[in-house]
């Protein structure tokens, strides 16, 4: 069995943290679980102790990219899933990870579909999730998923990959895994860069995580302060000429309403 770590990034005192940890403890195939934070508190310390998890504290100001790279660094496993504290994982997520690398050992990134939870309720498949589902389709052609052009195809019109659903092979990606000037689009930027390197992208189109949308979510905050729009426009500028970017961003404004 290939070594795999769930590195849970804890930020402040989240009411969803324990639910996330319980979903990882209940995996059908066991993996290492660690807790990482840049906002230490008695709550996080007590939670780590209650679930017998090692807790790693990063010194310095909280920063998504630095926090994620710190989590990868502290993981013992060759394969690392950066688990977001707001989300829960299907009991077979780890099993699918192992099956992926057993069949395609050159995989650099594994990802899945997600079920969306908003206001405590499971959401029906809407237009945005459907579009992401369609955009990810090339990553289901596993035999060709080591080609740069195919790996980048899903990312031409945005990022259809749910970041917490990803597992990275640190031997393939190198470290730091994340190296981007963006705050919101750093996962999109990272996937675009990794697509240009050796390694296969594999997508299992099953909802193996429950992705939570709520008022305190980073995505929501980035929309409010316009960070998301700025980052996404910059990313599109890497791929398309300016007139196309303007057209795409008009349509993208509609997607932000999913967080209203």
C-alpha atoms as a PDB file:
ATOM      1  CA  UNK A   1       0.000   0.000   0.000  1.00  0.00           C
ATOM      2  CA  UNK A   2       1.345   3.414  -0.974  1.00  0.00           C
ATOM      3  CA  UNK A   3       1.713   5.764   2.012  1.00  0.00           C
ATOM      4  CA  UNK A   4      -1.038   8.383   2.131  1.00  0.00           C
ATOM      5  CA  UNK A   5      -1.681  11.292   4.486  1.00  0.00           C
ATOM      6  CA  UNK A   6      -4.758  13.412   5.125  1.00  0.00           C
ATOM      7  CA  UNK A   7      -3.353  16.764   6.258  1.00  0.00           C
ATOM      8  CA  UNK A   8      -6.216  18.711   7.838  1.00  0.00           C
ATOM      9  CA  UNK A   9      -5.745  22.476   7.705  1.00  0.00           C
ATOM     10  CA  UNK A  10      -7.498  23.994  10.731  1.00  0.00           C
ATOM     11  CA  UNK A  11      -8.246  27.726  10.774  1.00  0.00           C
ATOM     12  CA  UNK A  12      -9.537  29.347  13.961  1.00  0.00           C
ATOM     13  CA  UNK A  13     -12.308  27.486  15.843  1.00  0.00           C
ATOM     14  CA  UNK A  14     -14.422  25.901  13.126  1.00  0.00           C
ATOM     15  CA  UNK A  15     -17.659  24.141  14.115  1.00  0.00           C
ATOM     16  CA  UNK A  16     -17.095  21.746  11.207  1.00  0.00           C
ATOM     17  CA  UNK A  17     -13.614  20.533  12.139  1.00  0.00           C
ATOM     18  CA  UNK A  18     -14.658  17.498  14.157  1.00  0.00           C
ATOM     19  CA  UNK A  19     -17.054  16.294  11.465  1.00  0.00           C
ATOM     20  CA  UNK A  20     -14.201  16.444   8.962  1.00  0.00           C
ATOM     21  CA  UNK A  21     -11.899  14.481  11.267  1.00  0.00           C
ATOM     22  CA  UNK A  22     -14.547  11.838  11.951  1.00  0.00           C
ATOM     23  CA  UNK A  23     -14.988  11.289   8.206  1.00  0.00           C
ATOM     24  CA  UNK A  24     -11.234  10.654   7.918  1.00  0.00           C
ATOM     25  CA  UNK A  25     -11.159   8.381  10.959  1.00  0.00           C
ATOM     26  CA  UNK A  26     -13.964   6.344   9.386  1.00  0.00           C
ATOM     27  CA  UNK A  27     -12.158   5.600   6.106  1.00  0.00           C
ATOM     28  CA  UNK A  28     -12.427   2.024   4.812  1.00  0.00           C
ATOM     29  CA  UNK A  29      -8.684   2.150   4.071  1.00  0.00           C
ATOM     30  CA  UNK A  30      -6.717   3.804   6.847  1.00  0.00           C
ATOM     31  CA  UNK A  31      -4.271   6.633   6.168  1.00  0.00           C
ATOM     32  CA  UNK A  32      -2.150   8.896   8.335  1.00  0.00           C
ATOM     33  CA  UNK A  33      -4.115  11.896   9.638  1.00  0.00           C
ATOM     34  CA  UNK A  34      -2.393  15.061  10.863  1.00  0.00           C
ATOM     35  CA  UNK A  35      -3.705  18.444  11.962  1.00  0.00           C
ATOM     36  CA  UNK A  36      -1.971  21.645  10.869  1.00  0.00           C
ATOM     37  CA  UNK A  37      -2.730  25.248  11.804  1.00  0.00           C
ATOM     38  CA  UNK A  38      -1.362  28.776  11.777  1.00  0.00           C
ATOM     39  CA  UNK A  39      -4.040  29.921  14.256  1.00  0.00           C
ATOM     40  CA  UNK A  40      -3.388  27.784  17.350  1.00  0.00           C
ATOM     41  CA  UNK A  41      -6.067  27.785  20.044  1.00  0.00           C
ATOM     42  CA  UNK A  42      -7.212  25.674  22.990  1.00  0.00           C
ATOM     43  CA  UNK A  43     -10.073  24.374  20.819  1.00  0.00           C
ATOM     44  CA  UNK A  44      -7.728  23.074  18.125  1.00  0.00           C
ATOM     45  CA  UNK A  45      -5.344  21.636  20.702  1.00  0.00           C
ATOM     46  CA  UNK A  46      -8.185  19.864  22.531  1.00  0.00           C
ATOM     47  CA  UNK A  47      -9.580  18.524  19.269  1.00  0.00           C
ATOM     48  CA  UNK A  48      -6.195  17.120  18.281  1.00  0.00           C
ATOM     49  CA  UNK A  49      -5.852  15.475  21.695  1.00  0.00           C
ATOM     50  CA  UNK A  50      -9.382  14.058  21.642  1.00  0.00           C
ATOM     51  CA  UNK A  51      -8.788  12.322  18.308  1.00  0.00           C
ATOM     52  CA  UNK A  52      -5.159  11.449  19.074  1.00  0.00           C
ATOM     53  CA  UNK A  53      -3.812  13.428  16.128  1.00  0.00           C
ATOM     54  CA  UNK A  54      -0.391  15.063  15.838  1.00  0.00           C
ATOM     55  CA  UNK A  55      -0.745  18.849  15.713  1.00  0.00           C
ATOM     56  CA  UNK A  56       1.716  21.006  13.797  1.00  0.00           C
ATOM     57  CA  UNK A  57       1.711  24.781  14.264  1.00  0.00           C
ATOM     58  CA  UNK A  58       3.118  27.089  11.613  1.00  0.00           C
ATOM     59  CA  UNK A  59       4.608  30.322  12.931  1.00  0.00           C
ATOM     60  CA  UNK A  60       3.787  33.572  11.212  1.00  0.00           C
ATOM     61  CA  UNK A  61       0.731  35.185   9.646  1.00  0.00           C
ATOM     62  CA  UNK A  62      -1.958  32.907   8.224  1.00  0.00           C
ATOM     63  CA  UNK A  63      -1.700  32.481   4.473  1.00  0.00           C
ATOM     64  CA  UNK A  64      -3.489  29.828   2.413  1.00  0.00           C
ATOM     65  CA  UNK A  65      -0.525  28.976   0.217  1.00  0.00           C
ATOM     66  CA  UNK A  66       1.968  28.885   3.086  1.00  0.00           C
ATOM     67  CA  UNK A  67      -0.450  26.870   5.223  1.00  0.00           C
ATOM     68  CA  UNK A  68      -1.012  24.296   2.467  1.00  0.00           C
ATOM     69  CA  UNK A  69       2.692  23.903   1.731  1.00  0.00           C
ATOM     70  CA  UNK A  70       3.356  23.542   5.461  1.00  0.00           C
ATOM     71  CA  UNK A  71       0.756  20.756   5.608  1.00  0.00           C
ATOM     72  CA  UNK A  72       2.422  18.918   2.725  1.00  0.00           C
ATOM     73  CA  UNK A  73       5.823  19.313   4.388  1.00  0.00           C
ATOM     74  CA  UNK A  74       4.596  17.793   7.663  1.00  0.00           C
ATOM     75  CA  UNK A  75       2.902  14.806   6.019  1.00  0.00           C
ATOM     76  CA  UNK A  76       4.756  11.498   6.193  1.00  0.00           C
ATOM     77  CA  UNK A  77       2.971  10.018   3.187  1.00  0.00           C
ATOM     78  CA  UNK A  78       4.153  10.208  -0.385  1.00  0.00           C
ATOM     79  CA  UNK A  79       0.535  10.929  -1.354  1.00  0.00           C
ATOM     80  CA  UNK A  80      -1.017  13.947   0.376  1.00  0.00           C
ATOM     81  CA  UNK A  81      -4.628  15.128   0.543  1.00  0.00           C
ATOM     82  CA  UNK A  82      -4.999  18.630   1.969  1.00  0.00           C
ATOM     83  CA  UNK A  83      -8.294  18.195   3.806  1.00  0.00           C
ATOM     84  CA  UNK A  84     -10.257  21.397   4.330  1.00  0.00           C
ATOM     85  CA  UNK A  85     -11.850  21.626   7.753  1.00  0.00           C
ATOM     86  CA  UNK A  86     -15.267  22.542   6.312  1.00  0.00           C
ATOM     87  CA  UNK A  87     -15.591  19.407   4.206  1.00  0.00           C
ATOM     88  CA  UNK A  88     -16.227  15.698   4.778  1.00  0.00           C
ATOM     89  CA  UNK A  89     -14.848  12.718   2.905  1.00  0.00           C
ATOM     90  CA  UNK A  90     -16.652   9.592   1.712  1.00  0.00           C
ATOM     91  CA  UNK A  91     -15.463   6.511   3.573  1.00  0.00           C
ATOM     92  CA  UNK A  92     -13.986   5.102   0.338  1.00  0.00           C
ATOM     93  CA  UNK A  93     -12.024   8.195  -0.696  1.00  0.00           C
ATOM     94  CA  UNK A  94      -8.748   6.707   0.536  1.00  0.00           C
ATOM     95  CA  UNK A  95      -9.550   3.392  -1.143  1.00  0.00           C
ATOM     96  CA  UNK A  96      -9.964   5.110  -4.510  1.00  0.00           C
ATOM     97  CA  UNK A  97      -6.655   6.927  -3.959  1.00  0.00           C
ATOM     98  CA  UNK A  98      -4.857   3.603  -3.482  1.00  0.00           C
ATOM     99  CA  UNK A  99      -6.593   2.045  -6.475  1.00  0.00           C
ATOM    100  CA  UNK A 100      -5.595   5.002  -8.644  1.00  0.00           C
ATOM    101  CA  UNK A 101      -1.852   4.762  -7.919  1.00  0.00           C
ATOM    102  CA  UNK A 102      -1.868   0.971  -8.078  1.00  0.00           C
ATOM    103  CA  UNK A 103      -3.240   1.157 -11.613  1.00  0.00           C
ATOM    104  CA  UNK A 104      -1.502   4.370 -12.769  1.00  0.00           C
ATOM    105  CA  UNK A 105       1.707   4.795 -10.731  1.00  0.00           C
ATOM    106  CA  UNK A 106       2.690   7.861 -12.787  1.00  0.00           C
ATOM    107  CA  UNK A 107      -0.311   9.852 -11.506  1.00  0.00           C
ATOM    108  CA  UNK A 108       0.628  13.252 -10.131  1.00  0.00           C
ATOM    109  CA  UNK A 109      -2.867  14.476  -9.182  1.00  0.00           C
ATOM    110  CA  UNK A 110      -6.023  12.543  -8.271  1.00  0.00           C
ATOM    111  CA  UNK A 111      -9.371  14.317  -7.998  1.00  0.00           C
ATOM    112  CA  UNK A 112     -13.082  13.558  -7.688  1.00  0.00           C
ATOM    113  CA  UNK A 113     -16.539  15.060  -7.967  1.00  0.00           C
ATOM    114  CA  UNK A 114     -18.224  16.507  -4.880  1.00  0.00           C
ATOM    115  CA  UNK A 115     -21.630  16.861  -3.262  1.00  0.00           C
ATOM    116  CA  UNK A 116     -22.392  20.465  -2.281  1.00  0.00           C
ATOM    117  CA  UNK A 117     -23.772  21.363   1.149  1.00  0.00           C
ATOM    118  CA  UNK A 118     -25.263  24.832   1.611  1.00  0.00           C
ATOM    119  CA  UNK A 119     -27.081  26.034   4.735  1.00  0.00           C
ATOM    120  CA  UNK A 120     -26.836  22.507   6.088  1.00  0.00           C
ATOM    121  CA  UNK A 121     -28.699  21.015   3.122  1.00  0.00           C
ATOM    122  CA  UNK A 122     -27.456  18.896   0.225  1.00  0.00           C
ATOM    123  CA  UNK A 123     -27.866  20.823  -3.019  1.00  0.00           C
ATOM    124  CA  UNK A 124     -29.308  19.481  -6.258  1.00  0.00           C
ATOM    125  CA  UNK A 125     -27.093  19.485  -9.339  1.00  0.00           C
ATOM    126  CA  UNK A 126     -27.196  23.073 -10.632  1.00  0.00           C
ATOM    127  CA  UNK A 127     -25.720  24.737 -13.675  1.00  0.00           C
ATOM    128  CA  UNK A 128     -22.282  25.486 -12.166  1.00  0.00           C
ATOM    129  CA  UNK A 129     -21.631  21.899 -10.926  1.00  0.00           C
ATOM    130  CA  UNK A 130     -22.916  20.573 -14.251  1.00  0.00           C
ATOM    131  CA  UNK A 131     -20.520  22.774 -16.222  1.00  0.00           C
ATOM    132  CA  UNK A 132     -17.624  21.659 -14.010  1.00  0.00           C
ATOM    133  CA  UNK A 133     -18.649  18.061 -14.573  1.00  0.00           C
ATOM    134  CA  UNK A 134     -18.468  18.603 -18.338  1.00  0.00           C
ATOM    135  CA  UNK A 135     -15.137  20.456 -18.175  1.00  0.00           C
ATOM    136  CA  UNK A 136     -13.555  17.589 -16.203  1.00  0.00           C
ATOM    137  CA  UNK A 137     -14.513  15.066 -18.860  1.00  0.00           C
ATOM    138  CA  UNK A 138     -11.050  14.922 -20.514  1.00  0.00           C
ATOM    139  CA  UNK A 139      -9.560  13.717 -17.217  1.00  0.00           C
ATOM    140  CA  UNK A 140     -11.653  10.570 -17.478  1.00  0.00           C
ATOM    141  CA  UNK A 141      -9.700   9.455 -20.553  1.00  0.00           C
ATOM    142  CA  UNK A 142      -7.123   7.845 -18.296  1.00  0.00           C
ATOM    143  CA  UNK A 143      -5.007   6.438 -21.105  1.00  0.00           C
ATOM    144  CA  UNK A 144      -4.315   9.943 -22.451  1.00  0.00           C
ATOM    145  CA  UNK A 145      -4.286  11.785 -19.120  1.00  0.00           C
ATOM    146  CA  UNK A 146      -0.500  12.101 -19.100  1.00  0.00           C
ATOM    147  CA  UNK A 147      -0.504  14.489 -22.096  1.00  0.00           C
ATOM    148  CA  UNK A 148      -0.057  18.175 -21.326  1.00  0.00           C
ATOM    149  CA  UNK A 149      -2.675  19.306 -23.835  1.00  0.00           C
ATOM    150  CA  UNK A 150      -5.314  17.007 -22.380  1.00  0.00           C
ATOM    151  CA  UNK A 151      -4.469  17.893 -18.763  1.00  0.00           C
ATOM    152  CA  UNK A 152      -4.841  21.594 -19.555  1.00  0.00           C
ATOM    153  CA  UNK A 153      -8.027  21.223 -21.580  1.00  0.00           C
ATOM    154  CA  UNK A 154     -10.367  21.250 -18.538  1.00  0.00           C
ATOM    155  CA  UNK A 155      -8.788  24.476 -17.260  1.00  0.00           C
ATOM    156  CA  UNK A 156      -9.253  26.642 -20.350  1.00  0.00           C
ATOM    157  CA  UNK A 157     -12.507  28.128 -19.058  1.00  0.00           C
ATOM    158  CA  UNK A 158     -11.884  28.056 -15.320  1.00  0.00           C
ATOM    159  CA  UNK A 159     -11.040  25.593 -12.604  1.00  0.00           C
ATOM    160  CA  UNK A 160     -13.496  22.663 -12.529  1.00  0.00           C
ATOM    161  CA  UNK A 161     -11.458  20.749  -9.948  1.00  0.00           C
ATOM    162  CA  UNK A 162     -12.495  20.928  -6.297  1.00  0.00           C
ATOM    163  CA  UNK A 163      -9.272  21.627  -4.413  1.00  0.00           C
ATOM    164  CA  UNK A 164     -10.003  19.554  -1.260  1.00  0.00           C
ATOM    165  CA  UNK A 165     -10.824  16.562  -3.472  1.00  0.00           C
ATOM    166  CA  UNK A 166      -7.229  16.464  -4.743  1.00  0.00           C
ATOM    167  CA  UNK A 167      -4.445  14.133  -3.691  1.00  0.00           C
ATOM    168  CA  UNK A 168      -0.909  14.984  -4.811  1.00  0.00           C
ATOM    169  CA  UNK A 169       2.067  12.695  -5.331  1.00  0.00           C
ATOM    170  CA  UNK A 170       4.849  14.809  -3.880  1.00  0.00           C
ATOM    171  CA  UNK A 171       7.455  12.755  -5.770  1.00  0.00           C
ATOM    172  CA  UNK A 172       5.830  13.868  -9.031  1.00  0.00           C
ATOM    173  CA  UNK A 173       4.834  17.424  -8.154  1.00  0.00           C
ATOM    174  CA  UNK A 174       7.990  18.393  -6.295  1.00  0.00           C
ATOM    175  CA  UNK A 175       7.885  20.803  -3.363  1.00  0.00           C
ATOM    176  CA  UNK A 176       6.568  23.301  -2.656  1.00  0.00           C
ATOM    177  CA  UNK A 177       3.455  22.018  -4.408  1.00  0.00           C
ATOM    178  CA  UNK A 178       1.874  25.481  -4.423  1.00  0.00           C
ATOM    179  CA  UNK A 179       3.807  28.393  -5.886  1.00  0.00           C
ATOM    180  CA  UNK A 180       1.430  31.097  -7.080  1.00  0.00           C
ATOM    181  CA  UNK A 181       1.033  34.871  -6.695  1.00  0.00           C
ATOM    182  CA  UNK A 182      -2.743  34.454  -6.354  1.00  0.00           C
ATOM    183  CA  UNK A 183      -4.821  34.112  -3.200  1.00  0.00           C
ATOM    184  CA  UNK A 184      -8.021  32.693  -4.666  1.00  0.00           C
ATOM    185  CA  UNK A 185      -6.843  31.147  -7.940  1.00  0.00           C
ATOM    186  CA  UNK A 186      -3.715  29.541  -6.497  1.00  0.00           C
ATOM    187  CA  UNK A 187      -5.178  26.033  -6.939  1.00  0.00           C
ATOM    188  CA  UNK A 188      -6.116  26.774 -10.574  1.00  0.00           C
ATOM    189  CA  UNK A 189      -2.690  28.255 -11.212  1.00  0.00           C
ATOM    190  CA  UNK A 190      -1.068  25.235  -9.550  1.00  0.00           C
ATOM    191  CA  UNK A 191      -3.041  22.747 -11.651  1.00  0.00           C
ATOM    192  CA  UNK A 192      -2.128  24.652 -14.826  1.00  0.00           C
ATOM    193  CA  UNK A 193       1.568  24.499 -13.912  1.00  0.00           C
ATOM    194  CA  UNK A 194       1.467  20.837 -12.844  1.00  0.00           C
ATOM    195  CA  UNK A 195      -0.262  19.970 -16.123  1.00  0.00           C
ATOM    196  CA  UNK A 196       2.902  21.082 -17.902  1.00  0.00           C
ATOM    197  CA  UNK A 197       5.049  18.633 -15.951  1.00  0.00           C
ATOM    198  CA  UNK A 198       5.317  14.824 -16.206  1.00  0.00           C
ATOM    199  CA  UNK A 199       2.520  12.960 -14.472  1.00  0.00           C
ATOM    200  CA  UNK A 200      -1.042  11.826 -15.043  1.00  0.00           C
ATOM    201  CA  UNK A 201      -4.210  13.626 -13.902  1.00  0.00           C
ATOM    202  CA  UNK A 202      -6.931  11.166 -12.869  1.00  0.00           C
ATOM    203  CA  UNK A 203     -10.530  12.155 -12.105  1.00  0.00           C
ATOM    204  CA  UNK A 204     -12.985   9.732 -10.506  1.00  0.00           C
ATOM    205  CA  UNK A 205     -16.369  11.239 -11.283  1.00  0.00           C
ATOM    206  CA  UNK A 206     -17.967  10.223  -8.002  1.00  0.00           C
ATOM    207  CA  UNK A 207     -18.969  12.610  -5.178  1.00  0.00           C
ATOM    208  CA  UNK A 208     -16.295  11.414  -2.753  1.00  0.00           C
ATOM    209  CA  UNK A 209     -16.352  14.609  -0.689  1.00  0.00           C
ATOM    210  CA  UNK A 210     -19.057  16.878   0.704  1.00  0.00           C
ATOM    211  CA  UNK A 211     -18.049  20.445  -0.098  1.00  0.00           C
ATOM    212  CA  UNK A 212     -19.559  23.033   2.253  1.00  0.00           C
ATOM    213  CA  UNK A 213     -20.531  26.564   1.210  1.00  0.00           C
ATOM    214  CA  UNK A 214     -21.053  28.998   4.105  1.00  0.00           C
ATOM    215  CA  UNK A 215     -20.605  32.637   5.074  1.00  0.00           C
ATOM    216  CA  UNK A 216     -17.153  32.161   6.642  1.00  0.00           C
ATOM    217  CA  UNK A 217     -15.760  30.246   3.658  1.00  0.00           C
ATOM    218  CA  UNK A 218     -12.670  31.661   1.962  1.00  0.00           C
ATOM    219  CA  UNK A 219     -14.438  31.549  -1.403  1.00  0.00           C
ATOM    220  CA  UNK A 220     -17.205  33.795  -0.085  1.00  0.00           C
ATOM    221  CA  UNK A 221     -14.700  36.256   1.378  1.00  0.00           C
ATOM    222  CA  UNK A 222     -12.761  36.443  -1.889  1.00  0.00           C
ATOM    223  CA  UNK A 223     -15.947  37.301  -3.790  1.00  0.00           C
ATOM    224  CA  UNK A 224     -16.851  40.059  -1.347  1.00  0.00           C
ATOM    225  CA  UNK A 225     -13.431  41.724  -1.572  1.00  0.00           C
ATOM    226  CA  UNK A 226     -13.206  41.131  -5.352  1.00  0.00           C
ATOM    227  CA  UNK A 227     -10.063  38.998  -4.992  1.00  0.00           C
ATOM    228  CA  UNK A 228     -11.694  36.152  -6.899  1.00  0.00           C
ATOM    229  CA  UNK A 229     -12.601  38.272  -9.932  1.00  0.00           C
ATOM    230  CA  UNK A 230      -9.109  39.800 -10.077  1.00  0.00           C
ATOM    231  CA  UNK A 231      -7.365  36.435  -9.814  1.00  0.00           C
ATOM    232  CA  UNK A 232      -9.593  34.722 -12.353  1.00  0.00           C
ATOM    233  CA  UNK A 233      -9.187  37.558 -14.853  1.00  0.00           C
ATOM    234  CA  UNK A 234      -5.407  37.282 -14.439  1.00  0.00           C
ATOM    235  CA  UNK A 235      -5.515  33.522 -15.026  1.00  0.00           C
ATOM    236  CA  UNK A 236      -7.660  33.883 -18.127  1.00  0.00           C
ATOM    237  CA  UNK A 237      -5.154  36.482 -19.308  1.00  0.00           C
ATOM    238  CA  UNK A 238      -2.498  33.750 -19.344  1.00  0.00           C
ATOM    239  CA  UNK A 239      -4.628  31.636 -21.638  1.00  0.00           C
ATOM    240  CA  UNK A 240      -6.769  33.936 -23.827  1.00  0.00           C
ATOM    241  CA  UNK A 241      -6.466  37.339 -25.552  1.00  0.00           C
ATOM    242  CA  UNK A 242      -8.034  40.331 -23.758  1.00  0.00           C
ATOM    243  CA  UNK A 243     -11.329  40.501 -25.735  1.00  0.00           C
ATOM    244  CA  UNK A 244     -12.025  36.854 -24.914  1.00  0.00           C
ATOM    245  CA  UNK A 245     -11.156  37.429 -21.247  1.00  0.00           C
ATOM    246  CA  UNK A 246     -13.703  40.254 -21.003  1.00  0.00           C
ATOM    247  CA  UNK A 247     -16.396  38.063 -22.537  1.00  0.00           C
ATOM    248  CA  UNK A 248     -15.647  35.141 -20.243  1.00  0.00           C
ATOM    249  CA  UNK A 249     -15.646  37.328 -17.130  1.00  0.00           C
ATOM    250  CA  UNK A 250     -19.147  38.604 -17.941  1.00  0.00           C
ATOM    251  CA  UNK A 251     -20.447  35.051 -17.752  1.00  0.00           C
ATOM    252  CA  UNK A 252     -18.364  34.327 -14.675  1.00  0.00           C
ATOM    253  CA  UNK A 253     -20.196  36.999 -12.731  1.00  0.00           C
ATOM    254  CA  UNK A 254     -23.232  34.730 -12.787  1.00  0.00           C
ATOM    255  CA  UNK A 255     -21.320  31.928 -11.039  1.00  0.00           C
ATOM    256  CA  UNK A 256     -20.586  34.135  -8.025  1.00  0.00           C
ATOM    257  CA  UNK A 257     -24.308  34.171  -7.210  1.00  0.00           C
ATOM    258  CA  UNK A 258     -23.975  30.555  -6.002  1.00  0.00           C
ATOM    259  CA  UNK A 259     -22.411  32.013  -2.839  1.00  0.00           C
ATOM    260  CA  UNK A 260     -25.026  34.697  -2.224  1.00  0.00           C
END
